[in-house]
């Protein structure tokens, strides 16, 4: 597997009033982003079987990313690479923690590729002041979309938690 350059990780954690089994079904269902992701225009499955998991995410603004899953730990989470096809990729980890019988947590950690190839002296401030805040806002909206579906059983409305300049 080819090594990729990424920047410091950015994480968001959300509690859910559902069991870890229910949360796993929500985050592992093929095409789940169509219902759960507030910036998703479409989420087409390219491969979803014992051999691997790959899908295409088209954002509301038309930006298109491929998600290629690297690990798949049933009931616990997965890792993936996401980015434009044949382009730079970010590394992402989705983790589920069981808190109690009917409570769980989802943590999404992104290692963005943005500015990763630049020296720290050049990239530190733009990363801290622009990329990290934008990514945190994005990730909070994503986990909140999953929480919305877990609570209501209905698809999350597009841009429900506010617009995002990178994806809306």
N, C-alpha and C. Protein backbone atom coordinates (compact mmCIF):
# COMPACT_ATOMS: atom_id res chain seq x y z
N UNK A 1 0.83 -1.17 0.00
CA UNK A 1 0.00 0.00 0.00
C UNK A 1 0.88 1.24 0.00
N UNK A 2 0.56 2.18 -0.88
CA UNK A 2 1.34 3.39 -1.02
C UNK A 2 1.14 4.31 0.18
N UNK A 3 2.23 4.86 0.69
CA UNK A 3 2.18 5.79 1.81
C UNK A 3 1.62 7.13 1.33
N UNK A 4 0.88 7.78 2.22
CA UNK A 4 0.35 9.10 1.89
C UNK A 4 0.79 10.09 2.95
N UNK A 5 1.00 11.34 2.52
CA UNK A 5 1.34 12.40 3.46
C UNK A 5 0.05 13.01 3.98
N UNK A 6 -0.03 13.14 5.30
CA UNK A 6 -1.18 13.79 5.90
C UNK A 6 -0.70 14.74 6.99
N UNK A 7 -1.61 15.56 7.45
CA UNK A 7 -1.31 16.52 8.49
C UNK A 7 -1.79 15.98 9.83
N UNK A 8 -1.67 16.78 10.89
CA UNK A 8 -2.10 16.38 12.23
C UNK A 8 -3.58 15.99 12.22
N UNK A 9 -3.95 14.99 13.04
CA UNK A 9 -5.34 14.53 13.04
C UNK A 9 -6.31 15.53 13.68
N UNK A 10 -7.54 15.48 13.20
CA UNK A 10 -8.64 16.29 13.71
C UNK A 10 -9.77 15.32 14.05
N UNK A 11 -10.28 15.38 15.28
CA UNK A 11 -11.30 14.42 15.74
C UNK A 11 -12.53 15.11 16.28
N UNK A 12 -13.66 14.43 16.09
CA UNK A 12 -14.93 14.83 16.69
C UNK A 12 -15.59 13.58 17.25
N UNK A 13 -16.19 13.71 18.44
CA UNK A 13 -16.88 12.59 19.09
C UNK A 13 -18.32 13.01 19.38
N UNK A 14 -19.25 12.08 19.15
CA UNK A 14 -20.68 12.34 19.39
C UNK A 14 -21.27 11.16 20.14
N UNK A 15 -22.06 11.44 21.17
CA UNK A 15 -22.79 10.40 21.89
C UNK A 15 -24.11 10.13 21.21
N UNK A 16 -24.55 8.87 21.29
CA UNK A 16 -25.81 8.43 20.68
C UNK A 16 -26.62 7.67 21.72
N UNK A 17 -27.92 7.85 21.71
CA UNK A 17 -28.81 7.12 22.60
C UNK A 17 -29.29 5.83 21.93
N UNK A 18 -28.34 5.10 21.37
CA UNK A 18 -28.61 3.79 20.76
C UNK A 18 -27.45 2.86 21.11
N UNK A 19 -27.69 1.58 21.01
CA UNK A 19 -26.62 0.61 21.29
C UNK A 19 -25.54 0.70 20.23
N UNK A 20 -24.37 0.16 20.56
CA UNK A 20 -23.28 0.15 19.58
C UNK A 20 -23.65 -0.69 18.36
N UNK A 21 -24.48 -1.73 18.54
CA UNK A 21 -24.93 -2.54 17.40
C UNK A 21 -25.77 -1.72 16.43
N UNK A 22 -26.68 -0.92 16.96
CA UNK A 22 -27.52 -0.06 16.12
C UNK A 22 -26.65 0.98 15.41
N UNK A 23 -25.73 1.57 16.14
CA UNK A 23 -24.83 2.57 15.55
C UNK A 23 -23.98 1.94 14.45
N UNK A 24 -23.48 0.72 14.67
CA UNK A 24 -22.69 0.04 13.64
C UNK A 24 -23.51 -0.16 12.37
N UNK A 25 -24.75 -0.60 12.52
CA UNK A 25 -25.62 -0.80 11.34
C UNK A 25 -25.79 0.50 10.58
N UNK A 26 -25.87 1.60 11.30
CA UNK A 26 -26.05 2.91 10.68
C UNK A 26 -24.80 3.34 9.90
N UNK A 27 -23.63 3.17 10.51
CA UNK A 27 -22.40 3.67 9.84
C UNK A 27 -21.84 2.69 8.81
N UNK A 28 -22.30 1.44 8.83
CA UNK A 28 -21.73 0.44 7.91
C UNK A 28 -22.65 0.06 6.76
N UNK A 29 -23.84 0.63 6.72
CA UNK A 29 -24.79 0.29 5.65
C UNK A 29 -24.30 0.85 4.32
N UNK A 30 -24.42 0.08 3.24
CA UNK A 30 -24.02 0.59 1.93
C UNK A 30 -24.86 1.81 1.54
N UNK A 31 -24.21 2.86 1.06
CA UNK A 31 -24.92 4.07 0.63
C UNK A 31 -25.48 4.91 1.76
N UNK A 32 -25.02 4.67 2.99
CA UNK A 32 -25.58 5.34 4.16
C UNK A 32 -25.46 6.86 4.14
N UNK A 33 -24.48 7.39 3.44
CA UNK A 33 -24.28 8.84 3.45
C UNK A 33 -25.44 9.58 2.79
N UNK A 34 -26.17 8.91 1.90
CA UNK A 34 -27.32 9.55 1.25
C UNK A 34 -28.35 9.99 2.28
N UNK A 35 -28.52 9.23 3.36
CA UNK A 35 -29.48 9.58 4.41
C UNK A 35 -28.86 10.34 5.56
N UNK A 36 -27.59 10.09 5.86
CA UNK A 36 -27.00 10.56 7.11
C UNK A 36 -26.07 11.76 6.98
N UNK A 37 -25.65 12.09 5.80
CA UNK A 37 -24.63 13.14 5.60
C UNK A 37 -25.30 14.43 5.11
N UNK A 38 -25.21 15.51 5.87
CA UNK A 38 -25.93 16.73 5.50
C UNK A 38 -25.39 17.45 4.26
N UNK A 39 -24.22 17.08 3.77
CA UNK A 39 -23.66 17.71 2.57
C UNK A 39 -23.60 16.75 1.39
N UNK A 40 -24.26 15.60 1.49
CA UNK A 40 -24.20 14.56 0.46
C UNK A 40 -25.32 14.73 -0.56
N UNK A 41 -24.94 14.84 -1.82
CA UNK A 41 -25.90 14.84 -2.92
C UNK A 41 -26.21 13.41 -3.31
N UNK A 42 -25.18 12.55 -3.37
CA UNK A 42 -25.39 11.13 -3.66
C UNK A 42 -24.22 10.32 -3.11
N UNK A 43 -24.50 9.04 -2.85
CA UNK A 43 -23.50 8.12 -2.31
C UNK A 43 -23.69 6.78 -3.01
N UNK A 44 -22.95 6.59 -4.10
CA UNK A 44 -23.10 5.38 -4.92
C UNK A 44 -22.08 4.32 -4.50
N UNK A 45 -22.57 3.12 -4.27
CA UNK A 45 -21.70 2.00 -3.93
C UNK A 45 -21.02 1.50 -5.20
N UNK A 46 -19.69 1.40 -5.17
CA UNK A 46 -18.93 0.85 -6.28
C UNK A 46 -18.57 -0.61 -6.01
N UNK A 47 -18.33 -0.93 -4.74
CA UNK A 47 -18.06 -2.30 -4.31
C UNK A 47 -18.42 -2.38 -2.83
N UNK A 48 -19.16 -3.42 -2.44
CA UNK A 48 -19.54 -3.57 -1.03
C UNK A 48 -19.76 -5.05 -0.77
N UNK A 49 -18.65 -5.75 -0.52
CA UNK A 49 -18.73 -7.20 -0.32
C UNK A 49 -17.55 -7.66 0.53
N UNK A 50 -17.37 -8.95 0.62
CA UNK A 50 -16.29 -9.52 1.40
C UNK A 50 -14.91 -9.16 0.90
N UNK A 51 -14.81 -8.75 -0.35
CA UNK A 51 -13.53 -8.38 -0.95
C UNK A 51 -13.12 -6.94 -0.65
N UNK A 52 -14.10 -6.11 -0.30
CA UNK A 52 -13.77 -4.72 0.00
C UNK A 52 -14.98 -3.81 -0.06
N UNK A 53 -14.75 -2.57 0.29
CA UNK A 53 -15.80 -1.56 0.33
C UNK A 53 -15.26 -0.29 -0.33
N UNK A 54 -15.96 0.15 -1.37
CA UNK A 54 -15.60 1.38 -2.07
C UNK A 54 -16.89 2.07 -2.47
N UNK A 55 -16.95 3.39 -2.26
CA UNK A 55 -18.12 4.12 -2.74
C UNK A 55 -17.70 5.49 -3.26
N UNK A 56 -18.66 6.15 -3.91
CA UNK A 56 -18.43 7.48 -4.46
C UNK A 56 -19.36 8.44 -3.74
N UNK A 57 -18.79 9.50 -3.19
CA UNK A 57 -19.55 10.54 -2.50
C UNK A 57 -19.55 11.79 -3.35
N UNK A 58 -20.73 12.24 -3.75
CA UNK A 58 -20.86 13.50 -4.47
C UNK A 58 -21.48 14.50 -3.50
N UNK A 59 -20.74 15.58 -3.25
CA UNK A 59 -21.21 16.61 -2.34
C UNK A 59 -22.21 17.53 -3.03
N UNK A 60 -22.91 18.35 -2.25
CA UNK A 60 -23.92 19.25 -2.79
C UNK A 60 -23.37 20.21 -3.83
N UNK A 61 -22.09 20.58 -3.70
CA UNK A 61 -21.48 21.51 -4.66
C UNK A 61 -20.90 20.79 -5.88
N UNK A 62 -21.08 19.47 -5.97
CA UNK A 62 -20.59 18.71 -7.12
C UNK A 62 -19.22 18.08 -6.93
N UNK A 63 -18.50 18.47 -5.89
CA UNK A 63 -17.19 17.86 -5.61
C UNK A 63 -17.41 16.35 -5.41
N UNK A 64 -16.56 15.56 -6.04
CA UNK A 64 -16.72 14.10 -6.01
C UNK A 64 -15.49 13.44 -5.41
N UNK A 65 -15.72 12.63 -4.39
CA UNK A 65 -14.65 11.90 -3.71
C UNK A 65 -14.94 10.41 -3.76
N UNK A 66 -13.88 9.64 -3.80
CA UNK A 66 -13.95 8.19 -3.67
C UNK A 66 -13.52 7.83 -2.26
N UNK A 67 -14.30 6.95 -1.61
CA UNK A 67 -13.89 6.42 -0.31
C UNK A 67 -13.49 4.97 -0.52
N UNK A 68 -12.25 4.66 -0.19
CA UNK A 68 -11.75 3.29 -0.27
C UNK A 68 -11.43 2.83 1.14
N UNK A 69 -12.17 1.83 1.60
CA UNK A 69 -12.02 1.35 2.97
C UNK A 69 -10.80 0.45 3.06
N UNK A 70 -9.98 0.69 4.08
CA UNK A 70 -8.74 -0.04 4.26
C UNK A 70 -8.89 -1.17 5.26
N UNK A 71 -9.56 -0.89 6.38
CA UNK A 71 -9.85 -1.91 7.39
C UNK A 71 -11.34 -1.89 7.68
N UNK A 72 -11.86 -3.03 8.14
CA UNK A 72 -13.29 -3.17 8.45
C UNK A 72 -13.38 -4.08 9.66
N UNK A 73 -13.60 -3.47 10.83
CA UNK A 73 -13.69 -4.22 12.08
C UNK A 73 -15.15 -4.25 12.51
N UNK A 74 -15.79 -5.36 12.18
CA UNK A 74 -17.23 -5.54 12.41
C UNK A 74 -17.63 -5.10 13.81
N UNK A 75 -18.59 -4.17 13.88
CA UNK A 75 -19.12 -3.70 15.15
C UNK A 75 -18.26 -2.66 15.85
N UNK A 76 -17.07 -2.40 15.33
CA UNK A 76 -16.15 -1.49 16.02
C UNK A 76 -15.77 -0.25 15.22
N UNK A 77 -15.66 -0.39 13.90
CA UNK A 77 -15.31 0.75 13.08
C UNK A 77 -14.51 0.36 11.86
N UNK A 78 -13.96 1.37 11.20
CA UNK A 78 -13.19 1.13 9.99
C UNK A 78 -12.26 2.31 9.72
N UNK A 79 -11.34 2.08 8.80
CA UNK A 79 -10.47 3.15 8.32
C UNK A 79 -10.65 3.24 6.81
N UNK A 80 -10.37 4.42 6.27
CA UNK A 80 -10.53 4.61 4.83
C UNK A 80 -9.65 5.75 4.36
N UNK A 81 -9.50 5.79 3.06
CA UNK A 81 -8.90 6.93 2.38
C UNK A 81 -10.01 7.61 1.60
N UNK A 82 -9.97 8.94 1.58
CA UNK A 82 -10.98 9.69 0.84
C UNK A 82 -10.31 10.82 0.09
N UNK A 83 -10.75 11.03 -1.14
CA UNK A 83 -10.24 12.13 -1.95
C UNK A 83 -10.71 11.96 -3.38
N UNK A 84 -10.28 12.86 -4.22
CA UNK A 84 -10.62 12.77 -5.64
C UNK A 84 -9.98 11.53 -6.23
N UNK A 85 -10.66 10.94 -7.18
CA UNK A 85 -10.13 9.73 -7.82
C UNK A 85 -8.75 10.02 -8.41
N UNK A 86 -7.77 9.19 -8.07
CA UNK A 86 -6.38 9.35 -8.49
C UNK A 86 -5.74 10.64 -7.99
N UNK A 87 -6.35 11.26 -6.99
CA UNK A 87 -5.81 12.50 -6.42
C UNK A 87 -5.28 12.27 -5.02
N UNK A 88 -4.99 13.36 -4.35
CA UNK A 88 -4.51 13.29 -2.97
C UNK A 88 -5.60 12.75 -2.07
N UNK A 89 -5.19 12.03 -1.03
CA UNK A 89 -6.14 11.33 -0.15
C UNK A 89 -5.92 11.71 1.30
N UNK A 90 -7.01 11.83 2.04
CA UNK A 90 -6.95 11.97 3.49
C UNK A 90 -7.22 10.60 4.10
N UNK A 91 -6.66 10.35 5.27
CA UNK A 91 -6.87 9.11 6.00
C UNK A 91 -7.92 9.39 7.07
N UNK A 92 -8.93 8.50 7.19
CA UNK A 92 -10.03 8.72 8.13
C UNK A 92 -10.28 7.45 8.93
N UNK A 93 -10.54 7.63 10.23
CA UNK A 93 -10.87 6.51 11.10
C UNK A 93 -12.21 6.76 11.77
N UNK A 94 -13.12 5.80 11.64
CA UNK A 94 -14.42 5.83 12.32
C UNK A 94 -14.37 4.78 13.42
N UNK A 95 -14.66 5.19 14.66
CA UNK A 95 -14.60 4.27 15.80
C UNK A 95 -15.89 4.36 16.63
N UNK A 96 -16.39 3.19 17.03
CA UNK A 96 -17.55 3.11 17.91
C UNK A 96 -17.09 2.63 19.28
N UNK A 97 -17.61 3.29 20.31
CA UNK A 97 -17.40 2.85 21.69
C UNK A 97 -18.76 2.61 22.33
N UNK A 98 -18.90 1.48 22.98
CA UNK A 98 -20.12 1.17 23.71
C UNK A 98 -20.01 1.80 25.10
N UNK A 99 -20.99 2.61 25.46
CA UNK A 99 -21.00 3.27 26.76
C UNK A 99 -21.86 2.46 27.74
N UNK A 100 -23.02 2.03 27.28
CA UNK A 100 -23.92 1.18 28.06
C UNK A 100 -24.79 0.41 27.08
N UNK A 101 -25.78 -0.29 27.59
CA UNK A 101 -26.63 -1.11 26.72
C UNK A 101 -27.29 -0.29 25.60
N UNK A 102 -27.70 0.92 25.93
CA UNK A 102 -28.40 1.77 24.95
C UNK A 102 -27.73 3.11 24.72
N UNK A 103 -26.41 3.14 24.88
CA UNK A 103 -25.68 4.37 24.62
C UNK A 103 -24.32 4.02 24.02
N UNK A 104 -23.93 4.79 23.01
CA UNK A 104 -22.66 4.56 22.35
C UNK A 104 -22.08 5.90 21.90
N UNK A 105 -20.84 5.84 21.43
CA UNK A 105 -20.18 7.03 20.92
C UNK A 105 -19.56 6.73 19.57
N UNK A 106 -19.58 7.73 18.71
CA UNK A 106 -18.90 7.65 17.42
C UNK A 106 -17.82 8.72 17.41
N UNK A 107 -16.62 8.30 17.06
CA UNK A 107 -15.50 9.22 16.89
C UNK A 107 -15.03 9.13 15.45
N UNK A 108 -14.93 10.27 14.80
CA UNK A 108 -14.36 10.34 13.45
C UNK A 108 -13.08 11.16 13.55
N UNK A 109 -11.98 10.58 13.08
CA UNK A 109 -10.69 11.25 13.09
C UNK A 109 -10.19 11.34 11.65
N UNK A 110 -9.87 12.55 11.23
CA UNK A 110 -9.37 12.79 9.88
C UNK A 110 -7.92 13.25 9.96
N UNK A 111 -7.08 12.64 9.12
CA UNK A 111 -5.71 13.09 8.91
C UNK A 111 -5.71 13.74 7.52
N UNK A 112 -5.94 15.06 7.45
CA UNK A 112 -6.10 15.70 6.13
C UNK A 112 -4.79 15.77 5.34
N UNK A 113 -4.93 15.70 4.03
CA UNK A 113 -3.76 15.84 3.17
C UNK A 113 -3.43 17.30 2.91
N UNK A 114 -4.38 18.19 3.16
CA UNK A 114 -4.19 19.61 2.86
C UNK A 114 -2.97 20.17 3.59
N UNK A 115 -2.08 20.79 2.87
CA UNK A 115 -0.84 21.40 3.36
C UNK A 115 0.16 20.41 3.92
N UNK A 116 -0.07 19.11 3.80
CA UNK A 116 0.81 18.10 4.40
C UNK A 116 2.21 18.11 3.79
N UNK A 117 2.34 18.51 2.55
CA UNK A 117 3.65 18.50 1.91
C UNK A 117 4.48 19.75 2.16
N UNK A 118 3.91 20.70 2.89
CA UNK A 118 4.62 21.96 3.14
C UNK A 118 5.39 21.90 4.45
N UNK A 119 6.47 22.65 4.57
CA UNK A 119 7.19 22.71 5.84
C UNK A 119 6.27 23.27 6.94
N UNK A 120 6.45 22.78 8.16
CA UNK A 120 5.61 23.22 9.30
C UNK A 120 5.64 24.74 9.48
N UNK A 121 6.79 25.34 9.25
CA UNK A 121 6.91 26.78 9.44
C UNK A 121 5.98 27.56 8.50
N UNK A 122 5.69 26.98 7.34
CA UNK A 122 4.80 27.61 6.37
C UNK A 122 3.35 27.22 6.60
N UNK A 123 3.12 25.97 6.99
CA UNK A 123 1.75 25.44 7.04
C UNK A 123 1.06 25.55 8.39
N UNK A 124 1.82 25.79 9.47
CA UNK A 124 1.23 25.74 10.81
C UNK A 124 0.05 26.70 10.98
N UNK A 125 0.24 27.97 10.72
CA UNK A 125 -0.84 28.95 10.92
C UNK A 125 -2.03 28.72 9.99
N UNK A 126 -1.82 28.53 8.67
CA UNK A 126 -2.98 28.25 7.83
C UNK A 126 -3.75 26.99 8.27
N UNK A 127 -3.00 25.98 8.72
CA UNK A 127 -3.64 24.74 9.17
C UNK A 127 -4.47 25.01 10.42
N UNK A 128 -3.90 25.68 11.40
CA UNK A 128 -4.59 25.94 12.66
C UNK A 128 -5.74 26.94 12.52
N UNK A 129 -5.57 27.94 11.66
CA UNK A 129 -6.55 29.02 11.56
C UNK A 129 -7.60 28.82 10.46
N UNK A 130 -7.34 27.94 9.49
CA UNK A 130 -8.27 27.79 8.38
C UNK A 130 -8.73 26.33 8.24
N UNK A 131 -7.80 25.41 8.04
CA UNK A 131 -8.17 24.02 7.77
C UNK A 131 -8.81 23.36 8.99
N UNK A 132 -8.18 23.46 10.13
CA UNK A 132 -8.71 22.78 11.33
C UNK A 132 -10.12 23.28 11.71
N UNK A 133 -10.37 24.59 11.77
CA UNK A 133 -11.74 25.03 12.10
C UNK A 133 -12.77 24.59 11.06
N UNK A 134 -12.41 24.64 9.78
CA UNK A 134 -13.34 24.20 8.73
C UNK A 134 -13.62 22.71 8.85
N UNK A 135 -12.58 21.92 9.11
CA UNK A 135 -12.74 20.48 9.23
C UNK A 135 -13.56 20.12 10.47
N UNK A 136 -13.35 20.82 11.57
CA UNK A 136 -14.14 20.57 12.79
C UNK A 136 -15.62 20.85 12.55
N UNK A 137 -15.92 21.96 11.88
CA UNK A 137 -17.31 22.28 11.55
C UNK A 137 -17.92 21.20 10.67
N UNK A 138 -17.17 20.76 9.68
CA UNK A 138 -17.63 19.70 8.78
C UNK A 138 -17.90 18.41 9.56
N UNK A 139 -16.94 17.98 10.37
CA UNK A 139 -17.08 16.72 11.11
C UNK A 139 -18.23 16.78 12.11
N UNK A 140 -18.42 17.92 12.77
CA UNK A 140 -19.56 18.06 13.70
C UNK A 140 -20.88 17.90 12.95
N UNK A 141 -20.96 18.45 11.76
CA UNK A 141 -22.18 18.30 10.95
C UNK A 141 -22.39 16.85 10.55
N UNK A 142 -21.32 16.15 10.20
CA UNK A 142 -21.44 14.75 9.78
C UNK A 142 -21.92 13.88 10.94
N UNK A 143 -21.28 13.96 12.10
CA UNK A 143 -21.72 13.13 13.23
C UNK A 143 -23.12 13.53 13.68
N UNK A 144 -23.45 14.81 13.58
CA UNK A 144 -24.80 15.26 13.93
C UNK A 144 -25.84 14.71 12.95
N UNK A 145 -25.45 14.54 11.69
CA UNK A 145 -26.35 13.93 10.71
C UNK A 145 -26.67 12.49 11.07
N UNK A 146 -25.67 11.74 11.49
CA UNK A 146 -25.89 10.37 11.93
C UNK A 146 -26.77 10.34 13.19
N UNK A 147 -26.54 11.27 14.11
CA UNK A 147 -27.36 11.35 15.32
C UNK A 147 -28.81 11.68 14.96
N UNK A 148 -29.01 12.56 14.00
CA UNK A 148 -30.35 12.93 13.54
C UNK A 148 -31.09 11.71 13.03
N UNK A 149 -30.44 10.91 12.20
CA UNK A 149 -31.07 9.71 11.65
C UNK A 149 -31.33 8.68 12.76
N UNK A 150 -30.38 8.54 13.69
CA UNK A 150 -30.56 7.59 14.79
C UNK A 150 -31.76 7.98 15.66
N UNK A 151 -31.99 9.28 15.84
CA UNK A 151 -33.08 9.76 16.70
C UNK A 151 -34.43 9.75 15.99
N UNK A 152 -34.44 10.16 14.71
CA UNK A 152 -35.71 10.36 14.02
C UNK A 152 -36.09 9.24 13.07
N UNK A 153 -35.09 8.50 12.59
CA UNK A 153 -35.36 7.49 11.57
C UNK A 153 -35.59 8.08 10.19
N UNK A 154 -35.43 9.38 10.07
CA UNK A 154 -35.63 10.09 8.81
C UNK A 154 -34.29 10.58 8.26
N UNK A 155 -34.18 10.73 6.94
CA UNK A 155 -32.94 11.29 6.37
C UNK A 155 -32.71 12.72 6.87
N UNK A 156 -31.46 13.07 7.09
CA UNK A 156 -31.12 14.41 7.53
C UNK A 156 -31.32 15.38 6.36
N UNK A 157 -31.99 16.51 6.59
CA UNK A 157 -32.12 17.50 5.51
C UNK A 157 -30.74 18.04 5.12
N UNK A 158 -30.60 18.36 3.84
CA UNK A 158 -29.32 18.89 3.34
C UNK A 158 -29.02 20.23 4.03
N UNK A 159 -27.77 20.45 4.37
CA UNK A 159 -27.30 21.66 5.04
C UNK A 159 -28.05 21.93 6.35
N UNK A 160 -28.54 20.89 6.99
CA UNK A 160 -29.38 21.04 8.18
C UNK A 160 -28.67 21.75 9.33
N UNK A 161 -27.38 21.61 9.43
CA UNK A 161 -26.62 22.22 10.52
C UNK A 161 -25.83 23.43 10.04
N UNK A 162 -26.21 23.96 8.89
CA UNK A 162 -25.55 25.11 8.30
C UNK A 162 -24.79 24.71 7.04
N UNK A 163 -24.57 25.69 6.20
CA UNK A 163 -23.83 25.46 4.96
C UNK A 163 -22.34 25.35 5.27
N UNK A 164 -21.62 24.71 4.35
CA UNK A 164 -20.16 24.60 4.50
C UNK A 164 -19.54 25.02 3.18
N UNK A 165 -18.59 25.96 3.24
CA UNK A 165 -18.02 26.53 2.02
C UNK A 165 -17.27 25.51 1.17
N UNK A 166 -16.81 24.41 1.75
CA UNK A 166 -16.09 23.41 0.96
C UNK A 166 -17.02 22.42 0.27
N UNK A 167 -18.24 22.23 0.80
CA UNK A 167 -19.06 21.10 0.34
C UNK A 167 -20.51 21.45 -0.03
N UNK A 168 -21.02 22.60 0.39
CA UNK A 168 -22.43 22.96 0.10
C UNK A 168 -22.59 23.52 -1.29
